[in-house]
Amino acid sequence: MLNLFADISLWWTFFVAAVAIPPFLFYARGVISDVVEVEGTIRKRLSTAADIVGTKRVVMGHTHRALHGFVDDVEYLNTGTWSAAYTDLECTIPSGSKCFARIQPTQDGPRESVLLEWLDPDVSVLPRLAPGEAFPQRNARSPGRKAGKPAA
């Protein structure tokens, strides 16, 4: 069958594959998602940044994962992302959720924050991690991303 295109033995095909595949697999094992690295950096620097600014609450996004929890004594709300993401090549099956943070005053005076998921036309409250509760771990290996240092 291979001889239709070139006059070579099928064994040469296996030889080329055996030589080319191991370096690719070695490279692929070292690929680390940028999102995991960014989240690790956020956890390390969030308290210091909040102290510098003088706040106890930080709202941000862009890490592609919605989270509501605490880093030390700083409340952390991450809306994830609102950019278009799909699970299929035809871009017909949306991936991820569209989240937003709502901060509003309470009757007692301090403001209350909540992370909500947009479910057009409704919204759903996302759970908040308790102070001291660890953030859920994420798979650090993600094909198609550039290599980086593992998150601490």
Protein backbone atom coordinates (compact mmCIF):
# COMPACT_ATOMS: atom_id res chain seq x y z
CA MET A 1 0.00 0.00 0.00
CA LEU A 2 2.80 2.44 0.87
CA ASN A 3 4.52 1.53 -2.38
CA LEU A 4 1.80 3.44 -4.27
CA PHE A 5 3.41 6.74 -3.20
CA ALA A 6 7.03 5.77 -2.74
CA ASP A 7 9.08 2.67 -3.33
CA ILE A 8 10.06 2.08 0.33
CA SER A 9 9.50 -0.67 2.81
CA LEU A 10 6.83 -0.37 5.49
CA TRP A 11 9.59 -0.98 8.06
CA TRP A 12 11.14 2.40 7.21
CA THR A 13 7.86 4.02 8.23
CA PHE A 14 8.02 2.31 11.63
CA PHE A 15 11.67 3.30 11.98
CA VAL A 16 10.94 6.98 11.32
CA ALA A 17 8.01 6.89 13.76
CA ALA A 18 10.14 5.19 16.44
CA VAL A 19 12.79 7.91 16.08
CA ALA A 20 10.41 10.91 15.87
CA ILE A 21 7.76 10.07 18.48
CA PRO A 22 9.85 9.76 21.70
CA PRO A 23 11.24 13.35 21.54
CA PHE A 24 7.72 14.66 20.88
CA LEU A 25 6.33 12.74 23.88
CA PHE A 26 9.16 14.02 26.08
CA TYR A 27 8.37 17.59 25.01
CA ALA A 28 4.62 17.14 25.51
CA ARG A 29 5.13 15.98 29.13
CA GLY A 30 6.88 19.26 29.89
CA VAL A 31 4.11 21.52 28.56
CA ILE A 32 2.51 23.46 31.41
CA SER A 33 -0.61 25.59 31.10
CA ASP A 34 -0.04 29.33 31.50
CA VAL A 35 -3.27 29.51 33.50
CA VAL A 36 -1.88 27.27 36.25
CA GLU A 37 1.29 29.37 36.44
CA VAL A 38 -0.71 32.61 36.63
CA GLU A 39 -2.98 31.26 39.37
CA GLY A 40 0.04 30.24 41.44
CA THR A 41 1.53 33.72 41.06
CA ILE A 42 -1.78 35.30 42.08
CA ARG A 43 -1.94 33.22 45.24
CA LYS A 44 1.61 34.20 46.17
CA ARG A 45 1.22 37.94 45.58
CA LEU A 46 -2.43 38.71 46.32
CA SER A 47 -2.03 39.53 50.04
CA THR A 48 0.91 41.84 49.39
CA ALA A 49 -0.91 43.64 46.58
CA ALA A 50 -4.03 44.06 48.74
CA ASP A 51 -1.91 45.47 51.60
CA ILE A 52 -0.26 47.99 49.27
CA VAL A 53 -3.62 49.17 47.92
CA GLY A 54 -5.35 48.95 51.30
CA THR A 55 -8.20 46.61 50.39
CA LYS A 56 -9.60 43.33 51.68
CA ARG A 57 -11.26 42.30 48.42
CA VAL A 58 -9.80 41.77 44.93
CA VAL A 59 -11.87 41.17 41.78
CA MET A 60 -10.17 40.02 38.62
CA GLY A 61 -10.57 37.73 35.63
CA HIS A 62 -8.72 36.35 32.64
CA THR A 63 -7.54 33.05 34.16
CA HIS A 64 -10.40 31.16 32.47
CA ARG A 65 -11.59 29.70 35.78
CA ALA A 66 -14.18 31.34 38.00
CA LEU A 67 -13.27 31.24 41.71
CA HIS A 68 -14.55 32.85 44.87
CA GLY A 69 -12.46 32.28 47.96
CA PHE A 70 -9.86 33.70 50.29
CA VAL A 71 -6.11 34.04 50.04
CA ASP A 72 -4.93 34.69 53.58
CA ASP A 73 -7.38 37.38 54.77
CA VAL A 74 -8.12 38.80 51.30
CA GLU A 75 -11.37 37.89 49.56
CA TYR A 76 -10.64 36.84 45.98
CA LEU A 77 -13.24 36.91 43.21
CA ASN A 78 -12.17 35.75 39.76
CA THR A 79 -14.79 35.96 37.03
CA GLY A 80 -12.84 33.71 34.68
CA THR A 81 -13.28 34.96 31.12
CA TRP A 82 -16.00 36.24 28.83
CA SER A 83 -14.11 35.50 25.63
CA ALA A 84 -15.62 33.02 23.23
CA ALA A 85 -14.49 29.45 23.83
CA TYR A 86 -15.86 26.31 22.26
CA THR A 87 -15.33 22.58 22.70
CA ASP A 88 -15.75 21.70 19.03
CA LEU A 89 -14.03 22.83 15.85
CA GLU A 90 -17.24 24.17 14.34
CA CYS A 91 -17.67 26.56 17.32
CA THR A 92 -21.21 25.43 18.08
CA ILE A 93 -20.81 24.05 21.63
CA PRO A 94 -19.80 26.81 24.10
CA SER A 95 -17.21 25.96 26.74
CA GLY A 96 -16.98 27.46 30.19
CA SER A 97 -19.29 29.82 31.98
CA LYS A 98 -19.88 33.56 31.87
CA CYS A 99 -19.46 34.82 35.44
CA PHE A 100 -19.58 38.22 37.08
CA ALA A 101 -19.04 39.60 40.57
CA ARG A 102 -21.71 41.56 42.41
CA ILE A 103 -20.73 43.67 45.41
CA GLN A 104 -23.51 45.46 47.24
CA PRO A 105 -24.08 47.04 50.64
CA THR A 106 -25.96 45.15 53.34
CA GLN A 107 -28.28 46.47 56.04
CA ASP A 108 -25.45 46.15 58.61
CA GLY A 109 -23.05 48.33 56.63
CA PRO A 110 -20.30 46.10 55.21
CA ARG A 111 -20.55 45.18 51.58
CA GLU A 112 -21.38 41.65 50.53
CA SER A 113 -19.83 40.03 47.49
CA VAL A 114 -21.06 37.13 45.43
CA LEU A 115 -19.87 35.44 42.25
CA LEU A 116 -22.69 34.77 39.80
CA GLU A 117 -22.91 32.76 36.60
CA TRP A 118 -24.86 34.29 33.72
CA LEU A 119 -27.46 31.79 32.46
CA ASP A 120 -29.38 34.00 30.04
CA PRO A 121 -31.90 35.16 31.25
CA ASP A 122 -31.19 33.86 34.78
CA VAL A 123 -28.20 33.87 37.11
CA SER A 124 -26.85 31.24 39.49
CA VAL A 125 -24.74 31.82 42.61
CA LEU A 126 -21.36 30.06 42.54
CA PRO A 127 -20.11 28.63 45.83
CA ARG A 128 -17.60 30.55 47.94
CA LEU A 129 -14.72 28.69 49.52
CA ALA A 130 -14.44 29.13 53.28
CA PRO A 131 -11.44 31.06 54.66
CA GLY A 132 -8.49 28.67 54.80
CA GLU A 133 -10.07 26.21 52.36
CA ALA A 134 -7.67 25.31 49.56
CA PHE A 135 -8.50 26.27 45.99
CA PRO A 136 -9.41 23.27 43.83
CA GLN A 137 -6.40 21.94 41.97
CA ARG A 138 -6.33 22.11 38.25
CA ASN A 139 -4.62 19.78 35.82
CA ALA A 140 -1.28 21.45 35.13
CA ARG A 141 -0.67 19.72 31.82
CA SER A 142 -2.39 21.21 28.82
CA PRO A 143 -1.40 20.35 25.26
CA GLY A 144 -0.94 23.24 22.91
CA ARG A 145 0.49 25.67 25.45
CA LYS A 146 4.05 26.85 25.71
CA ALA A 147 6.32 25.32 28.31
CA GLY A 148 6.72 27.09 31.61
CA LYS A 149 7.64 26.55 35.23
CA PRO A 150 5.25 24.41 37.29
CA ALA A 151 3.00 26.31 39.70
CA ALA A 152 4.13 26.26 43.31
